[in-house]
Amino acid sequence: MEMGMRPEDHSELNGIHLKPEEFRARRFAYMRELYKGDPRALQQIDIYDNSSPYGLHRRILVKALKDRDEETERNELAWFREHYPLVCNVGDI
């Protein structure tokens, strides 16, 4: 007689049988649900989620910095100031 749960019995809890991107998506969805009443926490979660708007604009900003594209850099910094004021201090960049 087998004792305990096998990994496949609770894979929905630990993501053991999920592809990495599926596991990350579920983890971030869970965290967003957990902190749905806390705007600052939601912005902090977005910072680590590459699929969020923050991740997209971060990639655009990094490319602009590498390419020395000052106009795109200004536009992206303005976007961060507008959409992520609780966690971003872009004046220090």
N, C-alpha and C. Protein backbone atom coordinates (compact mmCIF):
# COMPACT_ATOMS: atom_id res chain seq x y z
N MET A 1 0.85 -1.18 0.00
CA MET A 1 0.00 0.00 0.00
C MET A 1 0.89 1.24 0.00
N GLU A 2 0.58 2.15 -0.88
CA GLU A 2 1.40 3.35 -1.05
C GLU A 2 0.94 4.46 -0.09
N MET A 3 1.89 5.09 0.56
CA MET A 3 1.57 6.16 1.50
C MET A 3 1.80 7.52 0.83
N GLY A 4 1.00 8.50 1.19
CA GLY A 4 1.21 9.86 0.70
C GLY A 4 0.73 10.05 -0.73
N MET A 5 0.89 11.28 -1.17
CA MET A 5 0.47 11.63 -2.52
C MET A 5 1.65 11.55 -3.47
N ARG A 6 1.40 11.07 -4.65
CA ARG A 6 2.41 11.09 -5.70
C ARG A 6 2.42 12.48 -6.32
N PRO A 7 3.52 12.91 -6.92
CA PRO A 7 3.57 14.24 -7.54
C PRO A 7 2.44 14.47 -8.53
N GLU A 8 2.09 13.45 -9.31
CA GLU A 8 1.03 13.64 -10.30
C GLU A 8 -0.34 13.84 -9.65
N ASP A 9 -0.50 13.46 -8.37
CA ASP A 9 -1.77 13.65 -7.68
C ASP A 9 -2.02 15.09 -7.29
N HIS A 10 -0.99 15.88 -7.21
CA HIS A 10 -1.17 17.27 -6.79
C HIS A 10 -0.38 18.23 -7.67
N SER A 11 -0.22 17.87 -8.93
CA SER A 11 0.55 18.73 -9.83
C SER A 11 -0.10 20.08 -10.04
N GLU A 12 -1.43 20.17 -9.88
CA GLU A 12 -2.08 21.47 -10.03
C GLU A 12 -1.65 22.43 -8.92
N LEU A 13 -1.15 21.90 -7.83
CA LEU A 13 -0.72 22.75 -6.72
C LEU A 13 0.73 23.20 -6.87
N ASN A 14 1.57 22.34 -7.39
CA ASN A 14 2.99 22.68 -7.43
C ASN A 14 3.54 22.94 -8.83
N GLY A 15 2.73 22.74 -9.86
CA GLY A 15 3.18 23.04 -11.21
C GLY A 15 4.23 22.09 -11.74
N ILE A 16 4.38 20.94 -11.12
CA ILE A 16 5.47 20.04 -11.48
C ILE A 16 5.38 19.52 -12.91
N HIS A 17 4.17 19.41 -13.45
CA HIS A 17 4.00 18.88 -14.80
C HIS A 17 3.67 19.97 -15.82
N LEU A 18 3.87 21.20 -15.45
CA LEU A 18 3.59 22.32 -16.35
C LEU A 18 4.87 22.78 -17.02
N LYS A 19 4.72 23.33 -18.21
CA LYS A 19 5.85 23.98 -18.85
C LYS A 19 6.19 25.21 -18.02
N PRO A 20 7.45 25.64 -18.01
CA PRO A 20 7.84 26.78 -17.17
C PRO A 20 6.97 28.03 -17.39
N GLU A 21 6.65 28.35 -18.64
CA GLU A 21 5.86 29.56 -18.89
C GLU A 21 4.43 29.40 -18.36
N GLU A 22 3.87 28.19 -18.39
CA GLU A 22 2.54 27.96 -17.84
C GLU A 22 2.56 28.09 -16.32
N PHE A 23 3.61 27.55 -15.71
CA PHE A 23 3.73 27.64 -14.26
C PHE A 23 3.84 29.09 -13.82
N ARG A 24 4.68 29.88 -14.52
CA ARG A 24 4.83 31.29 -14.17
C ARG A 24 3.51 32.03 -14.34
N ALA A 25 2.79 31.76 -15.41
CA ALA A 25 1.50 32.43 -15.64
C ALA A 25 0.53 32.12 -14.51
N ARG A 26 0.47 30.86 -14.09
CA ARG A 26 -0.43 30.50 -12.99
C ARG A 26 0.01 31.15 -11.68
N ARG A 27 1.31 31.16 -11.46
CA ARG A 27 1.82 31.76 -10.22
C ARG A 27 1.47 33.24 -10.15
N PHE A 28 1.69 33.97 -11.26
CA PHE A 28 1.37 35.40 -11.25
C PHE A 28 -0.13 35.63 -11.15
N ALA A 29 -0.94 34.79 -11.78
CA ALA A 29 -2.40 34.92 -11.66
C ALA A 29 -2.83 34.70 -10.21
N TYR A 30 -2.24 33.71 -9.55
CA TYR A 30 -2.55 33.44 -8.15
C TYR A 30 -2.15 34.64 -7.28
N MET A 31 -0.97 35.18 -7.52
CA MET A 31 -0.51 36.32 -6.72
C MET A 31 -1.40 37.54 -6.95
N ARG A 32 -1.82 37.77 -8.20
CA ARG A 32 -2.70 38.90 -8.48
C ARG A 32 -4.04 38.74 -7.76
N GLU A 33 -4.56 37.52 -7.73
CA GLU A 33 -5.81 37.26 -7.03
C GLU A 33 -5.63 37.49 -5.53
N LEU A 34 -4.52 37.02 -5.00
CA LEU A 34 -4.23 37.15 -3.58
C LEU A 34 -4.13 38.61 -3.14
N TYR A 35 -3.54 39.46 -3.99
CA TYR A 35 -3.29 40.86 -3.64
C TYR A 35 -4.17 41.83 -4.42
N LYS A 36 -5.34 41.39 -4.88
CA LYS A 36 -6.17 42.21 -5.76
C LYS A 36 -6.59 43.54 -5.14
N GLY A 37 -6.59 43.68 -3.85
CA GLY A 37 -6.98 44.93 -3.21
C GLY A 37 -5.82 45.86 -2.90
N ASP A 38 -4.62 45.49 -3.29
CA ASP A 38 -3.42 46.26 -2.96
C ASP A 38 -2.73 46.74 -4.24
N PRO A 39 -2.99 47.99 -4.67
CA PRO A 39 -2.43 48.49 -5.93
C PRO A 39 -0.90 48.44 -5.98
N ARG A 40 -0.26 48.71 -4.87
CA ARG A 40 1.21 48.68 -4.85
C ARG A 40 1.72 47.26 -5.08
N ALA A 41 1.11 46.30 -4.41
CA ALA A 41 1.52 44.90 -4.59
C ALA A 41 1.30 44.45 -6.03
N LEU A 42 0.19 44.86 -6.63
CA LEU A 42 -0.07 44.48 -8.02
C LEU A 42 0.98 45.06 -8.96
N GLN A 43 1.40 46.29 -8.70
CA GLN A 43 2.45 46.89 -9.52
C GLN A 43 3.77 46.15 -9.32
N GLN A 44 4.05 45.74 -8.10
CA GLN A 44 5.28 44.99 -7.84
C GLN A 44 5.26 43.63 -8.53
N ILE A 45 4.11 42.99 -8.56
CA ILE A 45 3.98 41.71 -9.26
C ILE A 45 4.26 41.91 -10.75
N ASP A 46 3.72 42.97 -11.33
CA ASP A 46 3.94 43.26 -12.75
C ASP A 46 5.42 43.40 -13.08
N ILE A 47 6.19 43.94 -12.16
CA ILE A 47 7.62 44.14 -12.40
C ILE A 47 8.32 42.81 -12.70
N TYR A 48 7.88 41.75 -12.04
CA TYR A 48 8.52 40.44 -12.21
C TYR A 48 7.89 39.59 -13.30
N ASP A 49 6.74 40.02 -13.81
CA ASP A 49 6.02 39.26 -14.84
C ASP A 49 6.37 39.83 -16.21
N ASN A 50 7.21 39.13 -16.95
CA ASN A 50 7.65 39.63 -18.26
C ASN A 50 6.52 39.77 -19.26
N SER A 51 5.40 39.09 -19.03
CA SER A 51 4.28 39.18 -19.97
C SER A 51 3.36 40.36 -19.66
N SER A 52 3.64 41.10 -18.61
CA SER A 52 2.80 42.26 -18.24
C SER A 52 3.16 43.46 -19.11
N PRO A 53 2.30 44.49 -19.12
CA PRO A 53 2.65 45.72 -19.85
C PRO A 53 3.98 46.30 -19.36
N TYR A 54 4.25 46.18 -18.07
CA TYR A 54 5.51 46.66 -17.52
C TYR A 54 6.69 45.97 -18.22
N GLY A 55 6.59 44.65 -18.38
CA GLY A 55 7.66 43.90 -19.04
C GLY A 55 7.88 44.34 -20.47
N LEU A 56 6.80 44.58 -21.19
CA LEU A 56 6.90 45.04 -22.57
C LEU A 56 7.60 46.40 -22.64
N HIS A 57 7.14 47.33 -21.81
CA HIS A 57 7.73 48.68 -21.83
C HIS A 57 9.16 48.68 -21.31
N ARG A 58 9.48 47.77 -20.40
CA ARG A 58 10.86 47.66 -19.93
C ARG A 58 11.77 47.24 -21.08
N ARG A 59 11.31 46.27 -21.88
CA ARG A 59 12.11 45.83 -23.03
C ARG A 59 12.30 46.97 -24.04
N ILE A 60 11.24 47.74 -24.27
CA ILE A 60 11.34 48.89 -25.19
C ILE A 60 12.33 49.91 -24.65
N LEU A 61 12.26 50.19 -23.34
CA LEU A 61 13.16 51.15 -22.72
C LEU A 61 14.62 50.68 -22.81
N VAL A 62 14.86 49.42 -22.52
CA VAL A 62 16.23 48.89 -22.59
C VAL A 62 16.78 49.02 -24.00
N LYS A 63 15.97 48.69 -25.00
CA LYS A 63 16.41 48.83 -26.39
C LYS A 63 16.70 50.29 -26.72
N ALA A 64 15.84 51.20 -26.26
CA ALA A 64 16.06 52.62 -26.51
C ALA A 64 17.36 53.10 -25.86
N LEU A 65 17.63 52.63 -24.66
CA LEU A 65 18.88 53.01 -23.99
C LEU A 65 20.09 52.48 -24.74
N LYS A 66 20.01 51.23 -25.19
CA LYS A 66 21.13 50.64 -25.94
C LYS A 66 21.35 51.37 -27.27
N ASP A 67 20.23 51.75 -27.91
CA ASP A 67 20.30 52.42 -29.22
C ASP A 67 20.49 53.94 -29.10
N ARG A 68 20.53 54.43 -27.87
CA ARG A 68 20.64 55.87 -27.60
C ARG A 68 19.51 56.65 -28.29
N ASP A 69 18.31 56.08 -28.24
CA ASP A 69 17.13 56.69 -28.82
C ASP A 69 16.46 57.54 -27.73
N GLU A 70 16.81 58.82 -27.69
CA GLU A 70 16.37 59.68 -26.59
C GLU A 70 14.86 59.93 -26.60
N GLU A 71 14.26 60.02 -27.77
CA GLU A 71 12.81 60.26 -27.83
C GLU A 71 12.03 59.08 -27.26
N THR A 72 12.39 57.87 -27.68
CA THR A 72 11.72 56.68 -27.16
C THR A 72 11.99 56.54 -25.66
N GLU A 73 13.19 56.85 -25.25
CA GLU A 73 13.53 56.79 -23.82
C GLU A 73 12.63 57.73 -23.02
N ARG A 74 12.47 58.97 -23.48
CA ARG A 74 11.60 59.93 -22.80
C ARG A 74 10.16 59.43 -22.75
N ASN A 75 9.69 58.90 -23.89
CA ASN A 75 8.30 58.40 -23.94
C ASN A 75 8.09 57.24 -22.97
N GLU A 76 9.04 56.34 -22.92
CA GLU A 76 8.90 55.18 -22.03
C GLU A 76 9.00 55.60 -20.56
N LEU A 77 9.90 56.50 -20.24
CA LEU A 77 9.99 56.97 -18.85
C LEU A 77 8.70 57.66 -18.44
N ALA A 78 8.10 58.41 -19.35
CA ALA A 78 6.80 59.05 -19.06
C ALA A 78 5.73 57.98 -18.84
N TRP A 79 5.78 56.92 -19.63
CA TRP A 79 4.81 55.84 -19.46
C TRP A 79 4.95 55.21 -18.08
N PHE A 80 6.19 54.94 -17.65
CA PHE A 80 6.41 54.37 -16.32
C PHE A 80 5.91 55.30 -15.23
N ARG A 81 6.18 56.59 -15.35
CA ARG A 81 5.71 57.55 -14.35
C ARG A 81 4.19 57.54 -14.25
N GLU A 82 3.53 57.43 -15.40
CA GLU A 82 2.06 57.47 -15.43
C GLU A 82 1.43 56.17 -14.92
N HIS A 83 1.95 55.03 -15.32
CA HIS A 83 1.29 53.76 -15.04
C HIS A 83 1.82 53.01 -13.81
N TYR A 84 3.01 53.32 -13.35
CA TYR A 84 3.59 52.62 -12.20
C TYR A 84 4.16 53.62 -11.18
N PRO A 85 3.35 54.59 -10.77
CA PRO A 85 3.88 55.62 -9.86
C PRO A 85 4.18 55.10 -8.46
N LEU A 86 3.56 54.00 -8.06
CA LEU A 86 3.74 53.51 -6.69
C LEU A 86 5.05 52.76 -6.49
N VAL A 87 5.63 52.25 -7.55
CA VAL A 87 6.84 51.43 -7.39
C VAL A 87 8.02 51.91 -8.21
N CYS A 88 7.80 52.85 -9.12
CA CYS A 88 8.88 53.29 -10.00
C CYS A 88 9.34 54.69 -9.64
N ASN A 89 10.63 54.82 -9.46
CA ASN A 89 11.22 56.13 -9.27
C ASN A 89 12.12 56.36 -10.47
N VAL A 90 11.50 56.66 -11.61
CA VAL A 90 12.26 56.76 -12.85
C VAL A 90 13.11 58.01 -12.92
N GLY A 91 12.94 58.93 -11.99
CA GLY A 91 13.80 60.10 -11.97
C GLY A 91 15.24 59.75 -11.66
N ASP A 92 15.45 58.59 -11.06
CA ASP A 92 16.80 58.15 -10.71
C ASP A 92 17.51 57.40 -11.83
N ILE A 93 16.79 57.13 -12.92
CA ILE A 93 17.39 56.36 -14.03
C ILE A 93 18.35 57.24 -14.79
